[in-house]
Amino acid sequence: MSREKPHAAHRHILALTIRDKAALYAAYMPFLSNGGIFVPTSAPYKLGEEVVMLLTLMDSGEKTPINGRVAWITPPQSQGNRPPGIGVQFGRSDAARNLKNKIELHLGNALKSVRQTHTM
């Protein structure tokens, strides 16, 4: 009797470079459990879809690989002139936790701001 191995889930790989604090503020999604980042894209994604993100923060030059899931979708021509894209919720790995802490350290008091972001 032969047994088929389940196919590995196909994961999309996204690359995002955030160059400054204002862009980080606009993209960060602190309201998601574990944190998350908005990634501008017009490619179709589904809620819950698994992705791998290569995130470069400001002046670090280091690409941090993070596993996550699509938790937010902003379709093209959405209200408020928001760019189309997806919100990627960080996974529960140590790397994701470290990234969340690093982002929140960069943003500091800006997290309390009520300025508009790409998602809210």
PDB file of N, CA and C in Angstrom:
ATOM      1  N   MET A   1       0.851  -1.164   0.000  1.00  0.00           N
ATOM      2  CA  MET A   1       0.000   0.000   0.000  1.00  0.00           C
ATOM      3  C   MET A   1       0.900   1.232   0.000  1.00  0.00           C
ATOM      4  N   SER A   2       0.658   2.113  -0.928  1.00  0.00           N
ATOM      5  CA  SER A   2       1.455   3.343  -0.955  1.00  0.00           C
ATOM      6  C   SER A   2       0.672   4.468  -0.294  1.00  0.00           C
ATOM      7  N   ARG A   3       1.423   5.361   0.324  1.00  0.00           N
ATOM      8  CA  ARG A   3       0.792   6.508   0.984  1.00  0.00           C
ATOM      9  C   ARG A   3       1.326   7.766   0.336  1.00  0.00           C
ATOM     10  N   GLU A   4       0.431   8.653   0.021  1.00  0.00           N
ATOM     11  CA  GLU A   4       0.849   9.930  -0.550  1.00  0.00           C
ATOM     12  C   GLU A   4       1.203  10.884   0.566  1.00  0.00           C
ATOM     13  N   LYS A   5       2.276  11.598   0.358  1.00  0.00           N
ATOM     14  CA  LYS A   5       2.651  12.626   1.321  1.00  0.00           C
ATOM     15  C   LYS A   5       1.833  13.874   1.024  1.00  0.00           C
ATOM     16  N   PRO A   6       1.349  14.540   2.067  1.00  0.00           N
ATOM     17  CA  PRO A   6       0.612  15.779   1.816  1.00  0.00           C
ATOM     18  C   PRO A   6       1.546  16.822   1.210  1.00  0.00           C
ATOM     19  N   HIS A   7       1.024  17.570   0.297  1.00  0.00           N
ATOM     20  CA  HIS A   7       1.818  18.632  -0.328  1.00  0.00           C
ATOM     21  C   HIS A   7       2.094  19.724   0.687  1.00  0.00           C
ATOM     22  N   ALA A   8       3.309  20.241   0.660  1.00  0.00           N
ATOM     23  CA  ALA A   8       3.642  21.374   1.533  1.00  0.00           C
ATOM     24  C   ALA A   8       2.836  22.582   1.079  1.00  0.00           C
ATOM     25  N   ALA A   9       2.367  23.351   2.030  1.00  0.00           N
ATOM     26  CA  ALA A   9       1.607  24.551   1.697  1.00  0.00           C
ATOM     27  C   ALA A   9       2.482  25.510   0.908  1.00  0.00           C
ATOM     28  N   HIS A  10       1.944  26.005  -0.177  1.00  0.00           N
ATOM     29  CA  HIS A  10       2.688  26.978  -0.983  1.00  0.00           C
ATOM     30  C   HIS A  10       2.646  28.320  -0.275  1.00  0.00           C
ATOM     31  N   ARG A  11       3.796  28.883  -0.013  1.00  0.00           N
ATOM     32  CA  ARG A  11       3.861  30.171   0.667  1.00  0.00           C
ATOM     33  C   ARG A  11       4.411  31.214  -0.277  1.00  0.00           C
ATOM     34  N   HIS A  12       3.783  32.349  -0.260  1.00  0.00           N
ATOM     35  CA  HIS A  12       4.266  33.471  -1.046  1.00  0.00           C
ATOM     36  C   HIS A  12       5.390  34.150  -0.281  1.00  0.00           C
ATOM     37  N   ILE A  13       6.383  34.618  -1.007  1.00  0.00           N
ATOM     38  CA  ILE A  13       7.472  35.358  -0.385  1.00  0.00           C
ATOM     39  C   ILE A  13       7.321  36.826  -0.764  1.00  0.00           C
ATOM     40  N   LEU A  14       7.268  37.673   0.253  1.00  0.00           N
ATOM     41  CA  LEU A  14       7.120  39.114   0.071  1.00  0.00           C
ATOM     42  C   LEU A  14       8.375  39.806   0.577  1.00  0.00           C
ATOM     43  N   ALA A  15       8.792  40.839  -0.101  1.00  0.00           N
ATOM     44  CA  ALA A  15       9.924  41.637   0.372  1.00  0.00           C
ATOM     45  C   ALA A  15       9.435  43.059   0.598  1.00  0.00           C
ATOM     46  N   LEU A  16       9.800  43.624   1.740  1.00  0.00           N
ATOM     47  CA  LEU A  16       9.391  44.982   2.071  1.00  0.00           C
ATOM     48  C   LEU A  16      10.544  45.692   2.758  1.00  0.00           C
ATOM     49  N   THR A  17      10.830  46.898   2.285  1.00  0.00           N
ATOM     50  CA  THR A  17      11.833  47.746   2.921  1.00  0.00           C
ATOM     51  C   THR A  17      11.130  48.980   3.442  1.00  0.00           C
ATOM     52  N   ILE A  18      11.287  49.234   4.724  1.00  0.00           N
ATOM     53  CA  ILE A  18      10.719  50.425   5.351  1.00  0.00           C
ATOM     54  C   ILE A  18      11.876  51.351   5.657  1.00  0.00           C
ATOM     55  N   ARG A  19      11.867  52.527   5.033  1.00  0.00           N
ATOM     56  CA  ARG A  19      13.024  53.411   5.068  1.00  0.00           C
ATOM     57  C   ARG A  19      13.034  54.440   6.201  1.00  0.00           C
ATOM     58  N   ASP A  20      11.859  54.754   6.764  1.00  0.00           N
ATOM     59  CA  ASP A  20      11.846  55.773   7.813  1.00  0.00           C
ATOM     60  C   ASP A  20      10.727  55.516   8.818  1.00  0.00           C
ATOM     61  N   LYS A  21      10.759  56.279   9.894  1.00  0.00           N
ATOM     62  CA  LYS A  21       9.820  56.093  10.996  1.00  0.00           C
ATOM     63  C   LYS A  21       8.375  56.357  10.572  1.00  0.00           C
ATOM     64  N   ALA A  22       8.157  57.345   9.698  1.00  0.00           N
ATOM     65  CA  ALA A  22       6.799  57.648   9.239  1.00  0.00           C
ATOM     66  C   ALA A  22       6.222  56.466   8.452  1.00  0.00           C
ATOM     67  N   ALA A  23       7.019  55.855   7.609  1.00  0.00           N
ATOM     68  CA  ALA A  23       6.569  54.696   6.837  1.00  0.00           C
ATOM     69  C   ALA A  23       6.306  53.506   7.760  1.00  0.00           C
ATOM     70  N   LEU A  24       7.152  53.348   8.776  1.00  0.00           N
ATOM     71  CA  LEU A  24       6.965  52.267   9.741  1.00  0.00           C
ATOM     72  C   LEU A  24       5.661  52.468  10.508  1.00  0.00           C
ATOM     73  N   TYR A  25       5.406  53.691  10.929  1.00  0.00           N
ATOM     74  CA  TYR A  25       4.161  53.992  11.654  1.00  0.00           C
ATOM     75  C   TYR A  25       2.953  53.658  10.780  1.00  0.00           C
ATOM     76  N   ALA A  26       3.000  54.052   9.503  1.00  0.00           N
ATOM     77  CA  ALA A  26       1.872  53.833   8.598  1.00  0.00           C
ATOM     78  C   ALA A  26       1.640  52.350   8.320  1.00  0.00           C
ATOM     79  N   ALA A  27       2.703  51.543   8.367  1.00  0.00           N
ATOM     80  CA  ALA A  27       2.588  50.125   8.012  1.00  0.00           C
ATOM     81  C   ALA A  27       2.361  49.202   9.207  1.00  0.00           C
ATOM     82  N   TYR A  28       2.802  49.602  10.394  1.00  0.00           N
ATOM     83  CA  TYR A  28       2.726  48.709  11.551  1.00  0.00           C
ATOM     84  C   TYR A  28       1.290  48.514  11.998  1.00  0.00           C
ATOM     85  N   MET A  29       0.957  47.290  12.393  1.00  0.00           N
ATOM     86  CA  MET A  29      -0.397  46.940  12.814  1.00  0.00           C
ATOM     87  C   MET A  29      -0.355  46.401  14.246  1.00  0.00           C
ATOM     88  N   PRO A  30      -0.290  47.305  15.248  1.00  0.00           N
ATOM     89  CA  PRO A  30      -0.160  46.868  16.639  1.00  0.00           C
ATOM     90  C   PRO A  30      -1.413  46.183  17.178  1.00  0.00           C
ATOM     91  N   PHE A  31      -2.537  46.365  16.518  1.00  0.00           N
ATOM     92  CA  PHE A  31      -3.791  45.798  16.995  1.00  0.00           C
ATOM     93  C   PHE A  31      -3.906  44.303  16.689  1.00  0.00           C
ATOM     94  N   LEU A  32      -2.992  43.759  15.886  1.00  0.00           N
ATOM     95  CA  LEU A  32      -2.993  42.319  15.625  1.00  0.00           C
ATOM     96  C   LEU A  32      -2.232  41.587  16.718  1.00  0.00           C
ATOM     97  N   SER A  33      -2.753  40.456  17.123  1.00  0.00           N
ATOM     98  CA  SER A  33      -2.043  39.619  18.082  1.00  0.00           C
ATOM     99  C   SER A  33      -0.679  39.292  17.478  1.00  0.00           C
ATOM    100  N   ASN A  34       0.383  39.488  18.211  1.00  0.00           N
ATOM    101  CA  ASN A  34       1.767  39.293  17.768  1.00  0.00           C
ATOM    102  C   ASN A  34       2.276  40.424  16.878  1.00  0.00           C
ATOM    103  N   GLY A  35       1.428  41.403  16.539  1.00  0.00           N
ATOM    104  CA  GLY A  35       1.832  42.499  15.666  1.00  0.00           C
ATOM    105  C   GLY A  35       1.747  42.093  14.205  1.00  0.00           C
ATOM    106  N   GLY A  36       1.934  43.072  13.339  1.00  0.00           N
ATOM    107  CA  GLY A  36       1.876  42.799  11.907  1.00  0.00           C
ATOM    108  C   GLY A  36       2.305  44.012  11.106  1.00  0.00           C
ATOM    109  N   ILE A  37       2.450  43.819   9.822  1.00  0.00           N
ATOM    110  CA  ILE A  37       2.895  44.869   8.905  1.00  0.00           C
ATOM    111  C   ILE A  37       2.001  44.852   7.677  1.00  0.00           C
ATOM    112  N   PHE A  38       1.654  46.053   7.213  1.00  0.00           N
ATOM    113  CA  PHE A  38       0.925  46.211   5.967  1.00  0.00           C
ATOM    114  C   PHE A  38       1.926  46.177   4.820  1.00  0.00           C
ATOM    115  N   VAL A  39       1.636  45.371   3.810  1.00  0.00           N
ATOM    116  CA  VAL A  39       2.497  45.245   2.635  1.00  0.00           C
ATOM    117  C   VAL A  39       1.710  45.699   1.417  1.00  0.00           C
ATOM    118  N   PRO A  40       2.116  46.809   0.789  1.00  0.00           N
ATOM    119  CA  PRO A  40       1.415  47.260  -0.413  1.00  0.00           C
ATOM    120  C   PRO A  40       1.568  46.240  -1.545  1.00  0.00           C
ATOM    121  N   THR A  41       0.466  45.837  -2.117  1.00  0.00           N
ATOM    122  CA  THR A  41       0.482  44.902  -3.240  1.00  0.00           C
ATOM    123  C   THR A  41      -0.891  44.909  -3.901  1.00  0.00           C
ATOM    124  N   SER A  42      -0.909  44.671  -5.193  1.00  0.00           N
ATOM    125  CA  SER A  42      -2.197  44.517  -5.875  1.00  0.00           C
ATOM    126  C   SER A  42      -2.437  43.054  -6.227  1.00  0.00           C
ATOM    127  N   ALA A  43      -1.508  42.183  -5.827  1.00  0.00           N
ATOM    128  CA  ALA A  43      -1.672  40.743  -6.059  1.00  0.00           C
ATOM    129  C   ALA A  43      -2.798  40.210  -5.176  1.00  0.00           C
ATOM    130  N   PRO A  44      -3.540  39.230  -5.678  1.00  0.00           N
ATOM    131  CA  PRO A  44      -4.645  38.679  -4.880  1.00  0.00           C
ATOM    132  C   PRO A  44      -4.145  37.737  -3.784  1.00  0.00           C
ATOM    133  N   TYR A  45      -4.667  37.909  -2.591  1.00  0.00           N
ATOM    134  CA  TYR A  45      -4.375  37.047  -1.450  1.00  0.00           C
ATOM    135  C   TYR A  45      -5.696  36.726  -0.769  1.00  0.00           C
ATOM    136  N   LYS A  46      -5.677  35.682   0.042  1.00  0.00           N
ATOM    137  CA  LYS A  46      -6.858  35.285   0.802  1.00  0.00           C
ATOM    138  C   LYS A  46      -6.546  35.422   2.280  1.00  0.00           C
ATOM    139  N   LEU A  47      -7.564  35.776   3.067  1.00  0.00           N
ATOM    140  CA  LEU A  47      -7.397  35.817   4.512  1.00  0.00           C
ATOM    141  C   LEU A  47      -6.929  34.452   5.000  1.00  0.00           C
ATOM    142  N   GLY A  48      -5.946  34.464   5.899  1.00  0.00           N
ATOM    143  CA  GLY A  48      -5.418  33.226   6.460  1.00  0.00           C
ATOM    144  C   GLY A  48      -4.300  32.603   5.646  1.00  0.00           C
ATOM    145  N   GLU A  49      -4.058  33.118   4.456  1.00  0.00           N
ATOM    146  CA  GLU A  49      -3.003  32.564   3.609  1.00  0.00           C
ATOM    147  C   GLU A  49      -1.635  32.773   4.265  1.00  0.00           C
ATOM    148  N   GLU A  50      -0.808  31.756   4.222  1.00  0.00           N
ATOM    149  CA  GLU A  50       0.520  31.847   4.814  1.00  0.00           C
ATOM    150  C   GLU A  50       1.486  32.526   3.852  1.00  0.00           C
ATOM    151  N   VAL A  51       2.328  33.392   4.413  1.00  0.00           N
ATOM    152  CA  VAL A  51       3.338  34.092   3.626  1.00  0.00           C
ATOM    153  C   VAL A  51       4.651  34.122   4.409  1.00  0.00           C
ATOM    154  N   VAL A  52       5.720  34.340   3.690  1.00  0.00           N
ATOM    155  CA  VAL A  52       7.019  34.593   4.288  1.00  0.00           C
ATOM    156  C   VAL A  52       7.408  35.993   3.849  1.00  0.00           C
ATOM    157  N   MET A  53       7.773  36.816   4.802  1.00  0.00           N
ATOM    158  CA  MET A  53       8.125  38.198   4.518  1.00  0.00           C
ATOM    159  C   MET A  53       9.608  38.416   4.813  1.00  0.00           C
ATOM    160  N   LEU A  54      10.276  39.092   3.899  1.00  0.00           N
ATOM    161  CA  LEU A  54      11.649  39.531   4.122  1.00  0.00           C
ATOM    162  C   LEU A  54      11.566  41.021   4.383  1.00  0.00           C
ATOM    163  N   LEU A  55      11.698  41.410   5.639  1.00  0.00           N
ATOM    164  CA  LEU A  55      11.491  42.792   6.047  1.00  0.00           C
ATOM    165  C   LEU A  55      12.821  43.459   6.386  1.00  0.00           C
ATOM    166  N   THR A  56      13.052  44.596   5.753  1.00  0.00           N
ATOM    167  CA  THR A  56      14.229  45.404   6.053  1.00  0.00           C
ATOM    168  C   THR A  56      13.751  46.678   6.725  1.00  0.00           C
ATOM    169  N   LEU A  57      14.222  46.912   7.949  1.00  0.00           N
ATOM    170  CA  LEU A  57      13.817  48.094   8.705  1.00  0.00           C
ATOM    171  C   LEU A  57      14.870  49.190   8.626  1.00  0.00           C
ATOM    172  N   MET A  58      14.469  50.303   8.125  1.00  0.00           N
ATOM    173  CA  MET A  58      15.227  51.541   8.081  1.00  0.00           C
ATOM    174  C   MET A  58      16.696  51.339   7.741  1.00  0.00           C
ATOM    175  N   ASP A  59      17.583  51.715   8.636  1.00  0.00           N
ATOM    176  CA  ASP A  59      18.998  51.729   8.297  1.00  0.00           C
ATOM    177  C   ASP A  59      19.712  50.413   8.591  1.00  0.00           C
ATOM    178  N   SER A  60      18.993  49.364   8.985  1.00  0.00           N
ATOM    179  CA  SER A  60      19.672  48.128   9.368  1.00  0.00           C
ATOM    180  C   SER A  60      20.304  47.418   8.176  1.00  0.00           C
ATOM    181  N   GLY A  61      19.661  47.450   7.015  1.00  0.00           N
ATOM    182  CA  GLY A  61      20.172  46.743   5.861  1.00  0.00           C
ATOM    183  C   GLY A  61      19.999  45.232   5.953  1.00  0.00           C
ATOM    184  N   GLU A  62      19.520  44.744   7.091  1.00  0.00           N
ATOM    185  CA  GLU A  62      19.336  43.309   7.331  1.00  0.00           C
ATOM    186  C   GLU A  62      17.925  42.902   6.956  1.00  0.00           C
ATOM    187  N   LYS A  63      17.805  41.853   6.134  1.00  0.00           N
ATOM    188  CA  LYS A  63      16.496  41.324   5.766  1.00  0.00           C
ATOM    189  C   LYS A  63      16.106  40.271   6.799  1.00  0.00           C
ATOM    190  N   THR A  64      15.047  40.564   7.547  1.00  0.00           N
ATOM    191  CA  THR A  64      14.569  39.645   8.579  1.00  0.00           C
ATOM    192  C   THR A  64      13.458  38.783   7.996  1.00  0.00           C
ATOM    193  N   PRO A  65      13.660  37.458   7.918  1.00  0.00           N
ATOM    194  CA  PRO A  65      12.582  36.593   7.422  1.00  0.00           C
ATOM    195  C   PRO A  65      11.563  36.322   8.534  1.00  0.00           C
ATOM    196  N   ILE A  66      10.299  36.534   8.217  1.00  0.00           N
ATOM    197  CA  ILE A  66       9.221  36.346   9.187  1.00  0.00           C
ATOM    198  C   ILE A  66       8.094  35.553   8.532  1.00  0.00           C
ATOM    199  N   ASN A  67       7.649  34.509   9.200  1.00  0.00           N
ATOM    200  CA  ASN A  67       6.475  33.774   8.752  1.00  0.00           C
ATOM    201  C   ASN A  67       5.240  34.465   9.300  1.00  0.00           C
ATOM    202  N   GLY A  68       4.194  34.491   8.501  1.00  0.00           N
ATOM    203  CA  GLY A  68       2.965  35.105   8.960  1.00  0.00           C
ATOM    204  C   GLY A  68       1.774  34.663   8.133  1.00  0.00           C
ATOM    205  N   ARG A  69       0.641  35.256   8.458  1.00  0.00           N
ATOM    206  CA  ARG A  69      -0.613  34.967   7.748  1.00  0.00           C
ATOM    207  C   ARG A  69      -1.291  36.277   7.360  1.00  0.00           C
ATOM    208  N   VAL A  70      -1.995  36.246   6.265  1.00  0.00           N
ATOM    209  CA  VAL A  70      -2.755  37.408   5.819  1.00  0.00           C
ATOM    210  C   VAL A  70      -3.929  37.600   6.776  1.00  0.00           C
ATOM    211  N   ALA A  71      -3.963  38.764   7.426  1.00  0.00           N
ATOM    212  CA  ALA A  71      -5.017  39.062   8.401  1.00  0.00           C
ATOM    213  C   ALA A  71      -5.821  40.298   8.005  1.00  0.00           C
ATOM    214  N   TRP A  72      -5.440  40.948   6.912  1.00  0.00           N
ATOM    215  CA  TRP A  72      -6.086  42.184   6.494  1.00  0.00           C
ATOM    216  C   TRP A  72      -5.931  42.293   4.991  1.00  0.00           C
ATOM    217  N   ILE A  73      -6.969  42.712   4.314  1.00  0.00           N
ATOM    218  CA  ILE A  73      -6.884  42.958   2.873  1.00  0.00           C
ATOM    219  C   ILE A  73      -7.499  44.310   2.575  1.00  0.00           C
ATOM    220  N   THR A  74      -6.736  45.168   1.922  1.00  0.00           N
ATOM    221  CA  THR A  74      -7.261  46.439   1.418  1.00  0.00           C
ATOM    222  C   THR A  74      -7.312  46.301  -0.098  1.00  0.00           C
ATOM    223  N   PRO A  75      -8.502  46.230  -0.661  1.00  0.00           N
ATOM    224  CA  PRO A  75      -8.613  46.041  -2.105  1.00  0.00           C
ATOM    225  C   PRO A  75      -8.290  47.329  -2.871  1.00  0.00           C
ATOM    226  N   PRO A  76      -7.990  47.201  -4.164  1.00  0.00           N
ATOM    227  CA  PRO A  76      -7.792  48.403  -4.981  1.00  0.00           C
ATOM    228  C   PRO A  76      -9.044  49.287  -4.929  1.00  0.00           C
ATOM    229  N   GLN A  77      -8.864  50.565  -5.068  1.00  0.00           N
ATOM    230  CA  GLN A  77      -9.938  51.576  -5.025  1.00  0.00           C
ATOM    231  C   GLN A  77     -10.727  51.551  -3.728  1.00  0.00           C
ATOM    232  N   SER A  78     -10.041  51.334  -2.616  1.00  0.00           N
ATOM    233  CA  SER A  78     -10.732  51.351  -1.329  1.00  0.00           C
ATOM    234  C   SER A  78     -10.959  52.791  -0.880  1.00  0.00           C
ATOM    235  N   GLN A  79     -11.810  52.959   0.103  1.00  0.00           N
ATOM    236  CA  GLN A  79     -12.117  54.290   0.617  1.00  0.00           C
ATOM    237  C   GLN A  79     -10.922  54.892   1.327  1.00  0.00           C
ATOM    238  N   GLY A  80     -10.883  56.199   1.382  1.00  0.00           N
ATOM    239  CA  GLY A  80      -9.846  56.901   2.119  1.00  0.00           C
ATOM    240  C   GLY A  80      -8.504  56.960   1.400  1.00  0.00           C
ATOM    241  N   ASN A  81      -8.503  56.668   0.101  1.00  0.00           N
ATOM    242  CA  ASN A  81      -7.268  56.691  -0.689  1.00  0.00           C
ATOM    243  C   ASN A  81      -6.163  55.822  -0.089  1.00  0.00           C
ATOM    244  N   ARG A  82      -6.527  54.742   0.558  1.00  0.00           N
ATOM    245  CA  ARG A  82      -5.525  53.828   1.123  1.00  0.00           C
ATOM    246  C   ARG A  82      -4.980  52.949   0.008  1.00  0.00           C
ATOM    247  N   PRO A  83      -3.685  52.647   0.063  1.00  0.00           N
ATOM    248  CA  PRO A  83      -3.111  51.810  -0.992  1.00  0.00           C
ATOM    249  C   PRO A  83      -3.601  50.366  -0.876  1.00  0.00           C
ATOM    250  N   PRO A  84      -3.730  49.669  -2.008  1.00  0.00           N
ATOM    251  CA  PRO A  84      -4.102  48.260  -1.935  1.00  0.00           C
ATOM    252  C   PRO A  84      -2.965  47.459  -1.313  1.00  0.00           C
ATOM    253  N   GLY A  85      -3.335  46.418  -0.586  1.00  0.00           N
ATOM    254  CA  GLY A  85      -2.306  45.584   0.014  1.00  0.00           C
ATOM    255  C   GLY A  85      -2.887  44.629   1.035  1.00  0.00           C
ATOM    256  N   ILE A  86      -1.973  44.000   1.767  1.00  0.00           N
ATOM    257  CA  ILE A  86      -2.363  43.017   2.770  1.00  0.00           C
ATOM    258  C   ILE A  86      -1.671  43.331   4.095  1.00  0.00           C
ATOM    259  N   GLY A  87      -2.334  42.986   5.170  1.00  0.00           N
ATOM    260  CA  GLY A  87      -1.731  43.048   6.493  1.00  0.00           C
ATOM    261  C   GLY A  87      -1.278  41.656   6.863  1.00  0.00           C
ATOM    262  N   VAL A  88       0.019  41.527   7.158  1.00  0.00           N
ATOM    263  CA  VAL A  88       0.578  40.230   7.520  1.00  0.00           C
ATOM    264  C   VAL A  88       0.759  40.177   9.031  1.00  0.00           C
ATOM    265  N   GLN A  89       0.033  39.264   9.657  1.00  0.00           N
ATOM    266  CA  GLN A  89       0.157  39.060  11.101  1.00  0.00           C
ATOM    267  C   GLN A  89       1.384  38.193  11.358  1.00  0.00           C
ATOM    268  N   PHE A  90       2.260  38.677  12.241  1.00  0.00           N
ATOM    269  CA  PHE A  90       3.468  37.932  12.567  1.00  0.00           C
ATOM    270  C   PHE A  90       3.104  36.611  13.236  1.00  0.00           C
ATOM    271  N   GLY A  91       3.935  35.602  12.997  1.00  0.00           N
ATOM    272  CA  GLY A  91       3.776  34.314  13.664  1.00  0.00           C
ATOM    273  C   GLY A  91       4.215  34.402  15.120  1.00  0.00           C
ATOM    274  N   ARG A  92       4.373  33.270  15.750  1.00  0.00           N
ATOM    275  CA  ARG A  92       4.703  33.236  17.181  1.00  0.00           C
ATOM    276  C   ARG A  92       6.156  32.852  17.449  1.00  0.00           C
ATOM    277  N   SER A  93       7.012  32.996  16.467  1.00  0.00           N
ATOM    278  CA  SER A  93       8.416  32.620  16.635  1.00  0.00           C
ATOM    279  C   SER A  93       9.175  33.664  17.446  1.00  0.00           C
ATOM    280  N   ASP A  94      10.345  33.284  17.911  1.00  0.00           N
ATOM    281  CA  ASP A  94      11.211  34.240  18.618  1.00  0.00           C
ATOM    282  C   ASP A  94      11.603  35.382  17.689  1.00  0.00           C
ATOM    283  N   ALA A  95      11.858  35.076  16.403  1.00  0.00           N
ATOM    284  CA  ALA A  95      12.232  36.106  15.441  1.00  0.00           C
ATOM    285  C   ALA A  95      11.102  37.127  15.286  1.00  0.00           C
ATOM    286  N   ALA A  96       9.866  36.652  15.234  1.00  0.00           N
ATOM    287  CA  ALA A  96       8.719  37.548  15.106  1.00  0.00           C
ATOM    288  C   ALA A  96       8.552  38.405  16.362  1.00  0.00           C
ATOM    289  N   ARG A  97       8.728  37.796  17.512  1.00  0.00           N
ATOM    290  CA  ARG A  97       8.621  38.530  18.779  1.00  0.00           C
ATOM    291  C   ARG A  97       9.711  39.610  18.860  1.00  0.00           C
ATOM    292  N   ASN A  98      10.924  39.250  18.451  1.00  0.00           N
ATOM    293  CA  ASN A  98      12.024  40.225  18.442  1.00  0.00           C
ATOM    294  C   ASN A  98      11.750  41.360  17.477  1.00  0.00           C
ATOM    295  N   LEU A  99      11.186  41.036  16.312  1.00  0.00           N
ATOM    296  CA  LEU A  99      10.861  42.074  15.332  1.00  0.00           C
ATOM    297  C   LEU A  99       9.792  43.012  15.882  1.00  0.00           C
ATOM    298  N   LYS A 100       8.757  42.461  16.495  1.00  0.00           N
ATOM    299  CA  LYS A 100       7.700  43.283  17.087  1.00  0.00           C
ATOM    300  C   LYS A 100       8.292  44.232  18.128  1.00  0.00           C
ATOM    301  N   ASN A 101       9.153  43.714  18.988  1.00  0.00           N
ATOM    302  CA  ASN A 101       9.790  44.560  20.004  1.00  0.00           C
ATOM    303  C   ASN A 101      10.654  45.648  19.377  1.00  0.00           C
ATOM    304  N   LYS A 102      11.385  45.301  18.326  1.00  0.00           N
ATOM    305  CA  LYS A 102      12.249  46.273  17.642  1.00  0.00           C
ATOM    306  C   LYS A 102      11.412  47.390  17.009  1.00  0.00           C
ATOM    307  N   ILE A 103      10.301  47.005  16.374  1.00  0.00           N
ATOM    308  CA  ILE A 103       9.413  47.996  15.754  1.00  0.00           C
ATOM    309  C   ILE A 103       8.841  48.923  16.817  1.00  0.00           C
ATOM    310  N   GLU A 104       8.350  48.362  17.910  1.00  0.00           N
ATOM    311  CA  GLU A 104       7.737  49.183  18.952  1.00  0.00           C
ATOM    312  C   GLU A 104       8.770  50.074  19.639  1.00  0.00           C
ATOM    313  N   LEU A 105      10.002  49.635  19.703  1.00  0.00           N
ATOM    314  CA  LEU A 105      11.070  50.478  20.235  1.00  0.00           C
ATOM    315  C   LEU A 105      11.334  51.656  19.295  1.00  0.00           C
ATOM    316  N   HIS A 106      11.372  51.383  17.988  1.00  0.00           N
ATOM    317  CA  HIS A 106      11.556  52.457  17.000  1.00  0.00           C
ATOM    318  C   HIS A 106      10.416  53.476  17.072  1.00  0.00           C
ATOM    319  N   LEU A 107       9.194  52.986  17.217  1.00  0.00           N
ATOM    320  CA  LEU A 107       8.030  53.881  17.191  1.00  0.00           C
ATOM    321  C   LEU A 107       7.799  54.607  18.508  1.00  0.00           C
ATOM    322  N   GLY A 108       8.136  53.995  19.629  1.00  0.00           N
ATOM    323  CA  GLY A 108       8.004  54.643  20.935  1.00  0.00           C
ATOM    324  C   GLY A 108       6.638  55.268  21.136  1.00  0.00           C
ATOM    325  N   ASN A 109       6.609  56.549  21.466  1.00  0.00           N
ATOM    326  CA  ASN A 109       5.355  57.262  21.743  1.00  0.00           C
ATOM    327  C   ASN A 109       4.480  57.444  20.512  1.00  0.00           C
ATOM    328  N   ALA A 110       5.038  57.266  19.332  1.00  0.00           N
ATOM    329  CA  ALA A 110       4.231  57.399  18.115  1.00  0.00           C
ATOM    330  C   ALA A 110       3.095  56.376  18.090  1.00  0.00           C
ATOM    331  N   LEU A 111       3.253  55.278  18.820  1.00  0.00           N
ATOM    332  CA  LEU A 111       2.193  54.268  18.868  1.00  0.00           C
ATOM    333  C   LEU A 111       0.898  54.821  19.453  1.00  0.00           C
ATOM    334  N   LYS A 112       0.995  55.881  20.227  1.00  0.00           N
ATOM    335  CA  LYS A 112      -0.191  56.481  20.847  1.00  0.00           C
ATOM    336  C   LYS A 112      -0.860  57.512  19.936  1.00  0.00           C
ATOM    337  N   SER A 113      -0.273  57.764  18.780  1.00  0.00           N
ATOM    338  CA  SER A 113      -0.784  58.769  17.855  1.00  0.00           C
ATOM    339  C   SER A 113      -2.115  58.333  17.254  1.00  0.00           C
ATOM    340  N   VAL A 114      -2.880  59.292  16.796  1.00  0.00           N
ATOM    341  CA  VAL A 114      -4.144  58.999  16.118  1.00  0.00           C
ATOM    342  C   VAL A 114      -4.051  59.331  14.633  1.00  0.00           C
ATOM    343  N   ARG A 115      -2.836  59.519  14.129  1.00  0.00           N
ATOM    344  CA  ARG A 115      -2.664  59.781  12.700  1.00  0.00           C
ATOM    345  C   ARG A 115      -3.129  58.572  11.894  1.00  0.00           C
ATOM    346  N   GLN A 116      -3.578  58.833  10.678  1.00  0.00           N
ATOM    347  CA  GLN A 116      -4.041  57.786   9.798  1.00  0.00           C
ATOM    348  C   GLN A 116      -2.887  56.871   9.397  1.00  0.00           C
ATOM    349  N   THR A 117      -3.180  55.587   9.260  1.00  0.00           N
ATOM    350  CA  THR A 117      -2.203  54.612   8.789  1.00  0.00           C
ATOM    351  C   THR A 117      -2.737  53.995   7.491  1.00  0.00           C
ATOM    352  N   HIS A 118      -2.027  53.020   6.966  1.00  0.00           N
ATOM    353  CA  HIS A 118      -2.495  52.346   5.764  1.00  0.00           C
ATOM    354  C   HIS A 118      -3.716  51.472   6.009  1.00  0.00           C
ATOM    355  N   THR A 119      -3.987  51.181   7.294  1.00  0.00           N
ATOM    356  CA  THR A 119      -5.108  50.280   7.595  1.00  0.00           C
ATOM    357  C   THR A 119      -6.228  50.928   8.401  1.00  0.00           C
ATOM    358  N   MET A 120      -5.905  51.856   9.271  1.00  0.00           N
ATOM    359  CA  MET A 120      -6.952  52.465  10.100  1.00  0.00           C
ATOM    360  C   MET A 120      -6.750  53.959  10.212  1.00  0.00           C
TER     361      MET A 120
END
